[in-house]
Amino acid sequence: MSLTVLVVEDDETLRSLIVEAVSLLGFRVLDCASADDALTTLVDCSSVALVITDVCMPGSMDGIGLAKMIWIRWPSLPVIITSGNRTMPEDLLPDHAMFLRKPWTLDVLHSAITVYLPE
């Protein structure tokens, strides 16, 4: 079974770009437009090995809320959090989490992914 990356981003254009970039690394990709949908996907798909989430999203929780739920329910699942209008001190994140400030390059995204899912 191939490893799956879950991309959670409400901006459809950026979500498509991230999905394509992750696919180029050879991973299966699932995508959601909200944290609420992402939680449902995580419950239904046991092959998710990494979550990449934006912070600002519609729904009952944002990307930070999603990350906190993941850390409670799936404590070893790595999460990459990204935002263009928020920052997050690295010392507030678990060892298996990372913050990427937008705009990032595809090289930066690929490097971040390979920290958790080596090629």
N, C-alpha and C. Protein backbone atom coordinates (compact mmCIF):
# COMPACT_ATOMS: atom_id res chain seq x y z
N MET A 1 0.84 -1.18 0.00
CA MET A 1 0.00 0.00 0.00
C MET A 1 0.89 1.24 0.00
N SER A 2 0.64 2.17 -0.91
CA SER A 2 1.46 3.38 -0.97
C SER A 2 1.03 4.36 0.10
N LEU A 3 1.97 5.20 0.52
CA LEU A 3 1.69 6.19 1.54
C LEU A 3 0.81 7.29 0.96
N THR A 4 -0.07 7.82 1.80
CA THR A 4 -1.02 8.84 1.37
C THR A 4 -0.76 10.13 2.13
N VAL A 5 -0.82 11.24 1.40
CA VAL A 5 -0.71 12.57 1.99
C VAL A 5 -2.08 13.22 1.87
N LEU A 6 -2.58 13.78 2.96
CA LEU A 6 -3.85 14.50 2.97
C LEU A 6 -3.56 15.99 2.92
N VAL A 7 -4.08 16.66 1.90
CA VAL A 7 -3.91 18.10 1.72
C VAL A 7 -5.22 18.78 2.11
N VAL A 8 -5.15 19.73 3.04
CA VAL A 8 -6.34 20.44 3.51
C VAL A 8 -6.14 21.93 3.24
N GLU A 9 -6.85 22.44 2.26
CA GLU A 9 -6.68 23.83 1.80
C GLU A 9 -7.99 24.29 1.17
N ASP A 10 -8.53 25.42 1.61
CA ASP A 10 -9.80 25.89 1.06
C ASP A 10 -9.67 26.60 -0.28
N ASP A 11 -8.50 27.12 -0.60
CA ASP A 11 -8.28 27.78 -1.89
C ASP A 11 -8.08 26.69 -2.94
N GLU A 12 -9.04 26.58 -3.85
CA GLU A 12 -9.03 25.48 -4.82
C GLU A 12 -7.79 25.47 -5.71
N THR A 13 -7.34 26.64 -6.13
CA THR A 13 -6.16 26.71 -7.01
C THR A 13 -4.91 26.24 -6.26
N LEU A 14 -4.73 26.73 -5.05
CA LEU A 14 -3.56 26.34 -4.26
C LEU A 14 -3.63 24.85 -3.89
N ARG A 15 -4.84 24.38 -3.56
CA ARG A 15 -4.99 22.96 -3.23
C ARG A 15 -4.59 22.09 -4.42
N SER A 16 -5.02 22.46 -5.61
CA SER A 16 -4.64 21.70 -6.81
C SER A 16 -3.15 21.71 -7.04
N LEU A 17 -2.51 22.85 -6.81
CA LEU A 17 -1.06 22.96 -6.96
C LEU A 17 -0.34 22.05 -5.97
N ILE A 18 -0.78 22.06 -4.71
CA ILE A 18 -0.15 21.22 -3.70
C ILE A 18 -0.34 19.75 -4.03
N VAL A 19 -1.56 19.38 -4.44
CA VAL A 19 -1.83 17.99 -4.81
C VAL A 19 -0.90 17.55 -5.93
N GLU A 20 -0.73 18.38 -6.93
CA GLU A 20 0.16 18.04 -8.05
C GLU A 20 1.61 17.92 -7.58
N ALA A 21 2.05 18.85 -6.74
CA ALA A 21 3.43 18.83 -6.25
C ALA A 21 3.70 17.57 -5.43
N VAL A 22 2.76 17.17 -4.58
CA VAL A 22 2.94 15.98 -3.77
C VAL A 22 2.89 14.72 -4.64
N SER A 23 2.03 14.72 -5.62
CA SER A 23 1.93 13.58 -6.55
C SER A 23 3.24 13.34 -7.28
N LEU A 24 3.94 14.42 -7.61
CA LEU A 24 5.22 14.30 -8.31
C LEU A 24 6.26 13.56 -7.47
N LEU A 25 6.07 13.54 -6.16
CA LEU A 25 6.98 12.80 -5.28
C LEU A 25 6.62 11.32 -5.21
N GLY A 26 5.52 10.95 -5.84
CA GLY A 26 5.14 9.55 -5.90
C GLY A 26 4.17 9.09 -4.82
N PHE A 27 3.61 10.04 -4.08
CA PHE A 27 2.66 9.68 -3.04
C PHE A 27 1.23 9.76 -3.56
N ARG A 28 0.36 8.96 -2.97
CA ARG A 28 -1.07 9.08 -3.23
C ARG A 28 -1.53 10.31 -2.47
N VAL A 29 -2.45 11.08 -3.04
CA VAL A 29 -2.89 12.32 -2.41
C VAL A 29 -4.41 12.34 -2.30
N LEU A 30 -4.88 12.69 -1.12
CA LEU A 30 -6.30 12.99 -0.90
C LEU A 30 -6.37 14.47 -0.57
N ASP A 31 -7.48 15.12 -0.91
CA ASP A 31 -7.57 16.54 -0.60
C ASP A 31 -8.96 16.89 -0.09
N CYS A 32 -8.97 17.90 0.77
CA CYS A 32 -10.20 18.39 1.39
C CYS A 32 -10.14 19.92 1.43
N ALA A 33 -11.34 20.53 1.41
CA ALA A 33 -11.42 21.99 1.45
C ALA A 33 -11.68 22.52 2.86
N SER A 34 -11.86 21.62 3.83
CA SER A 34 -12.10 22.08 5.21
C SER A 34 -11.53 21.08 6.21
N ALA A 35 -11.32 21.56 7.42
CA ALA A 35 -10.83 20.69 8.50
C ALA A 35 -11.88 19.64 8.86
N ASP A 36 -13.15 20.02 8.78
CA ASP A 36 -14.22 19.07 9.08
C ASP A 36 -14.17 17.88 8.13
N ASP A 37 -14.03 18.15 6.83
CA ASP A 37 -13.92 17.06 5.85
C ASP A 37 -12.65 16.24 6.07
N ALA A 38 -11.59 16.92 6.48
CA ALA A 38 -10.32 16.22 6.72
C ALA A 38 -10.45 15.20 7.85
N LEU A 39 -11.14 15.56 8.91
CA LEU A 39 -11.32 14.62 10.02
C LEU A 39 -12.08 13.38 9.57
N THR A 40 -13.11 13.58 8.76
CA THR A 40 -13.87 12.44 8.22
C THR A 40 -12.96 11.57 7.37
N THR A 41 -12.15 12.19 6.54
CA THR A 41 -11.23 11.45 5.68
C THR A 41 -10.23 10.65 6.52
N LEU A 42 -9.70 11.26 7.57
CA LEU A 42 -8.74 10.56 8.43
C LEU A 42 -9.36 9.35 9.11
N VAL A 43 -10.60 9.44 9.51
CA VAL A 43 -11.28 8.31 10.13
C VAL A 43 -11.46 7.18 9.11
N ASP A 44 -11.75 7.56 7.86
CA ASP A 44 -12.06 6.57 6.82
C ASP A 44 -10.84 6.00 6.12
N CYS A 45 -9.68 6.65 6.21
CA CYS A 45 -8.51 6.23 5.43
C CYS A 45 -7.32 6.01 6.35
N SER A 46 -6.97 4.76 6.57
CA SER A 46 -5.88 4.45 7.50
C SER A 46 -4.50 4.60 6.87
N SER A 47 -4.41 4.86 5.57
CA SER A 47 -3.10 4.96 4.93
C SER A 47 -2.52 6.37 4.93
N VAL A 48 -3.22 7.35 5.53
CA VAL A 48 -2.68 8.72 5.57
C VAL A 48 -1.43 8.73 6.45
N ALA A 49 -0.32 9.17 5.85
CA ALA A 49 0.97 9.18 6.54
C ALA A 49 1.44 10.59 6.87
N LEU A 50 0.77 11.61 6.29
CA LEU A 50 1.15 13.01 6.50
C LEU A 50 -0.04 13.89 6.16
N VAL A 51 -0.24 14.94 6.96
CA VAL A 51 -1.28 15.93 6.68
C VAL A 51 -0.60 17.27 6.44
N ILE A 52 -1.02 17.95 5.37
CA ILE A 52 -0.58 19.32 5.09
C ILE A 52 -1.83 20.17 5.18
N THR A 53 -1.85 21.14 6.09
CA THR A 53 -3.06 21.94 6.28
C THR A 53 -2.77 23.44 6.32
N ASP A 54 -3.66 24.18 5.71
CA ASP A 54 -3.67 25.63 5.83
C ASP A 54 -4.25 25.97 7.20
N VAL A 55 -4.02 27.17 7.69
CA VAL A 55 -4.58 27.58 8.98
C VAL A 55 -6.00 28.12 8.81
N CYS A 56 -6.17 29.12 7.95
CA CYS A 56 -7.47 29.79 7.81
C CYS A 56 -8.36 29.04 6.84
N MET A 57 -9.45 28.47 7.38
CA MET A 57 -10.40 27.71 6.56
C MET A 57 -11.80 27.87 7.12
N PRO A 58 -12.80 27.68 6.27
CA PRO A 58 -14.18 27.74 6.76
C PRO A 58 -14.51 26.46 7.53
N GLY A 59 -15.61 26.50 8.26
CA GLY A 59 -16.06 25.32 8.98
C GLY A 59 -15.97 25.52 10.48
N SER A 60 -16.14 24.44 11.21
CA SER A 60 -16.18 24.52 12.67
C SER A 60 -14.81 24.67 13.32
N MET A 61 -13.75 24.42 12.54
CA MET A 61 -12.40 24.59 13.09
C MET A 61 -11.44 25.00 11.98
N ASP A 62 -10.36 25.64 12.38
CA ASP A 62 -9.32 26.03 11.42
C ASP A 62 -8.24 24.95 11.39
N GLY A 63 -7.16 25.23 10.69
CA GLY A 63 -6.08 24.25 10.57
C GLY A 63 -5.37 23.96 11.88
N ILE A 64 -5.31 24.94 12.78
CA ILE A 64 -4.71 24.71 14.10
C ILE A 64 -5.59 23.76 14.90
N GLY A 65 -6.90 23.98 14.85
CA GLY A 65 -7.82 23.07 15.52
C GLY A 65 -7.72 21.66 14.96
N LEU A 66 -7.59 21.56 13.64
CA LEU A 66 -7.42 20.25 13.01
C LEU A 66 -6.14 19.58 13.51
N ALA A 67 -5.05 20.32 13.53
CA ALA A 67 -3.78 19.76 13.99
C ALA A 67 -3.90 19.27 15.44
N LYS A 68 -4.55 20.05 16.29
CA LYS A 68 -4.72 19.63 17.69
C LYS A 68 -5.55 18.34 17.78
N MET A 69 -6.60 18.22 16.97
CA MET A 69 -7.41 17.00 16.96
C MET A 69 -6.56 15.81 16.49
N ILE A 70 -5.73 16.04 15.47
CA ILE A 70 -4.86 14.97 14.96
C ILE A 70 -3.90 14.54 16.07
N TRP A 71 -3.31 15.49 16.78
CA TRP A 71 -2.33 15.15 17.81
C TRP A 71 -2.98 14.38 18.96
N ILE A 72 -4.28 14.55 19.16
CA ILE A 72 -4.99 13.79 20.20
C ILE A 72 -5.36 12.40 19.68
N ARG A 73 -5.95 12.32 18.49
CA ARG A 73 -6.48 11.05 17.98
C ARG A 73 -5.44 10.19 17.28
N TRP A 74 -4.49 10.83 16.61
CA TRP A 74 -3.44 10.11 15.88
C TRP A 74 -2.10 10.76 16.27
N PRO A 75 -1.62 10.51 17.48
CA PRO A 75 -0.48 11.25 18.01
C PRO A 75 0.83 11.13 17.22
N SER A 76 0.98 10.10 16.42
CA SER A 76 2.23 9.96 15.68
C SER A 76 2.13 10.46 14.23
N LEU A 77 0.95 10.94 13.82
CA LEU A 77 0.76 11.41 12.45
C LEU A 77 1.38 12.80 12.27
N PRO A 78 2.36 12.93 11.36
CA PRO A 78 2.99 14.24 11.16
C PRO A 78 2.06 15.23 10.47
N VAL A 79 2.22 16.50 10.82
CA VAL A 79 1.39 17.58 10.26
C VAL A 79 2.30 18.72 9.85
N ILE A 80 2.10 19.19 8.60
CA ILE A 80 2.75 20.42 8.14
C ILE A 80 1.66 21.48 8.09
N ILE A 81 1.84 22.55 8.87
CA ILE A 81 0.87 23.65 8.94
C ILE A 81 1.42 24.80 8.12
N THR A 82 0.57 25.42 7.32
CA THR A 82 1.03 26.50 6.46
C THR A 82 0.05 27.67 6.51
N SER A 83 0.59 28.89 6.44
CA SER A 83 -0.26 30.08 6.46
C SER A 83 0.50 31.26 5.90
N GLY A 84 -0.25 32.14 5.28
CA GLY A 84 0.34 33.37 4.78
C GLY A 84 0.11 34.55 5.70
N ASN A 85 -0.82 34.40 6.65
CA ASN A 85 -1.12 35.54 7.52
C ASN A 85 -0.99 35.22 9.00
N ARG A 86 -0.44 34.09 9.32
CA ARG A 86 -0.18 33.72 10.71
C ARG A 86 1.22 33.16 10.82
N THR A 87 1.76 33.21 12.01
CA THR A 87 3.03 32.56 12.28
C THR A 87 2.82 31.62 13.47
N MET A 88 3.71 30.70 13.63
CA MET A 88 3.61 29.75 14.73
C MET A 88 5.02 29.44 15.21
N PRO A 89 5.31 29.76 16.46
CA PRO A 89 6.63 29.44 16.99
C PRO A 89 6.88 27.93 16.96
N GLU A 90 8.04 27.55 16.45
CA GLU A 90 8.38 26.13 16.33
C GLU A 90 8.35 25.41 17.68
N ASP A 91 8.65 26.13 18.76
CA ASP A 91 8.69 25.47 20.06
C ASP A 91 7.30 25.11 20.59
N LEU A 92 6.25 25.59 19.94
CA LEU A 92 4.89 25.22 20.33
C LEU A 92 4.40 23.97 19.61
N LEU A 93 5.17 23.51 18.65
CA LEU A 93 4.77 22.36 17.85
C LEU A 93 5.40 21.07 18.36
N PRO A 94 4.66 19.95 18.24
CA PRO A 94 5.28 18.66 18.57
C PRO A 94 6.45 18.37 17.62
N ASP A 95 7.26 17.39 17.97
CA ASP A 95 8.42 17.04 17.15
C ASP A 95 8.03 16.63 15.73
N HIS A 96 6.86 16.08 15.56
CA HIS A 96 6.42 15.59 14.26
C HIS A 96 5.51 16.60 13.54
N ALA A 97 5.77 17.89 13.78
CA ALA A 97 5.01 18.96 13.12
C ALA A 97 5.96 20.06 12.69
N MET A 98 5.51 20.79 11.66
CA MET A 98 6.34 21.85 11.09
C MET A 98 5.41 22.97 10.60
N PHE A 99 5.89 24.20 10.67
CA PHE A 99 5.16 25.34 10.14
C PHE A 99 5.90 25.88 8.93
N LEU A 100 5.17 26.08 7.82
CA LEU A 100 5.73 26.71 6.62
C LEU A 100 4.97 28.01 6.36
N ARG A 101 5.68 29.10 6.29
CA ARG A 101 5.07 30.39 6.01
C ARG A 101 4.89 30.56 4.50
N LYS A 102 3.67 30.91 4.09
CA LYS A 102 3.40 31.20 2.67
C LYS A 102 3.93 32.59 2.37
N PRO A 103 4.40 32.86 1.19
CA PRO A 103 4.51 31.90 0.09
C PRO A 103 5.77 31.06 0.22
N TRP A 104 5.66 29.79 -0.02
CA TRP A 104 6.80 28.89 -0.05
C TRP A 104 7.00 28.42 -1.48
N THR A 105 8.18 27.93 -1.76
CA THR A 105 8.46 27.40 -3.09
C THR A 105 8.15 25.90 -3.10
N LEU A 106 8.05 25.33 -4.26
CA LEU A 106 7.82 23.88 -4.36
C LEU A 106 9.00 23.12 -3.78
N ASP A 107 10.22 23.65 -3.92
CA ASP A 107 11.39 23.00 -3.32
C ASP A 107 11.28 22.95 -1.80
N VAL A 108 10.81 24.03 -1.20
CA VAL A 108 10.63 24.07 0.26
C VAL A 108 9.56 23.06 0.68
N LEU A 109 8.47 23.00 -0.07
CA LEU A 109 7.41 22.03 0.24
C LEU A 109 7.94 20.60 0.12
N HIS A 110 8.64 20.31 -0.97
CA HIS A 110 9.20 18.97 -1.15
C HIS A 110 10.16 18.62 -0.02
N SER A 111 11.01 19.55 0.37
CA SER A 111 11.95 19.30 1.47
C SER A 111 11.21 19.01 2.78
N ALA A 112 10.15 19.78 3.03
CA ALA A 112 9.38 19.56 4.26
C ALA A 112 8.73 18.18 4.25
N ILE A 113 8.18 17.79 3.13
CA ILE A 113 7.52 16.48 3.02
C ILE A 113 8.53 15.36 3.26
N THR A 114 9.71 15.49 2.66
CA THR A 114 10.70 14.41 2.77
C THR A 114 11.30 14.28 4.17
N VAL A 115 11.10 15.29 5.03
CA VAL A 115 11.49 15.16 6.44
C VAL A 115 10.69 14.02 7.08
N TYR A 116 9.41 13.92 6.72
CA TYR A 116 8.52 12.94 7.32
C TYR A 116 8.32 11.69 6.47
N LEU A 117 8.44 11.85 5.16
CA LEU A 117 8.24 10.74 4.22
C LEU A 117 9.42 10.69 3.26
N PRO A 118 10.55 10.14 3.68
CA PRO A 118 11.73 10.10 2.81
C PRO A 118 11.42 9.41 1.48
N GLU A 119 12.02 9.95 0.44
CA GLU A 119 11.78 9.41 -0.91
C GLU A 119 12.46 8.07 -1.06
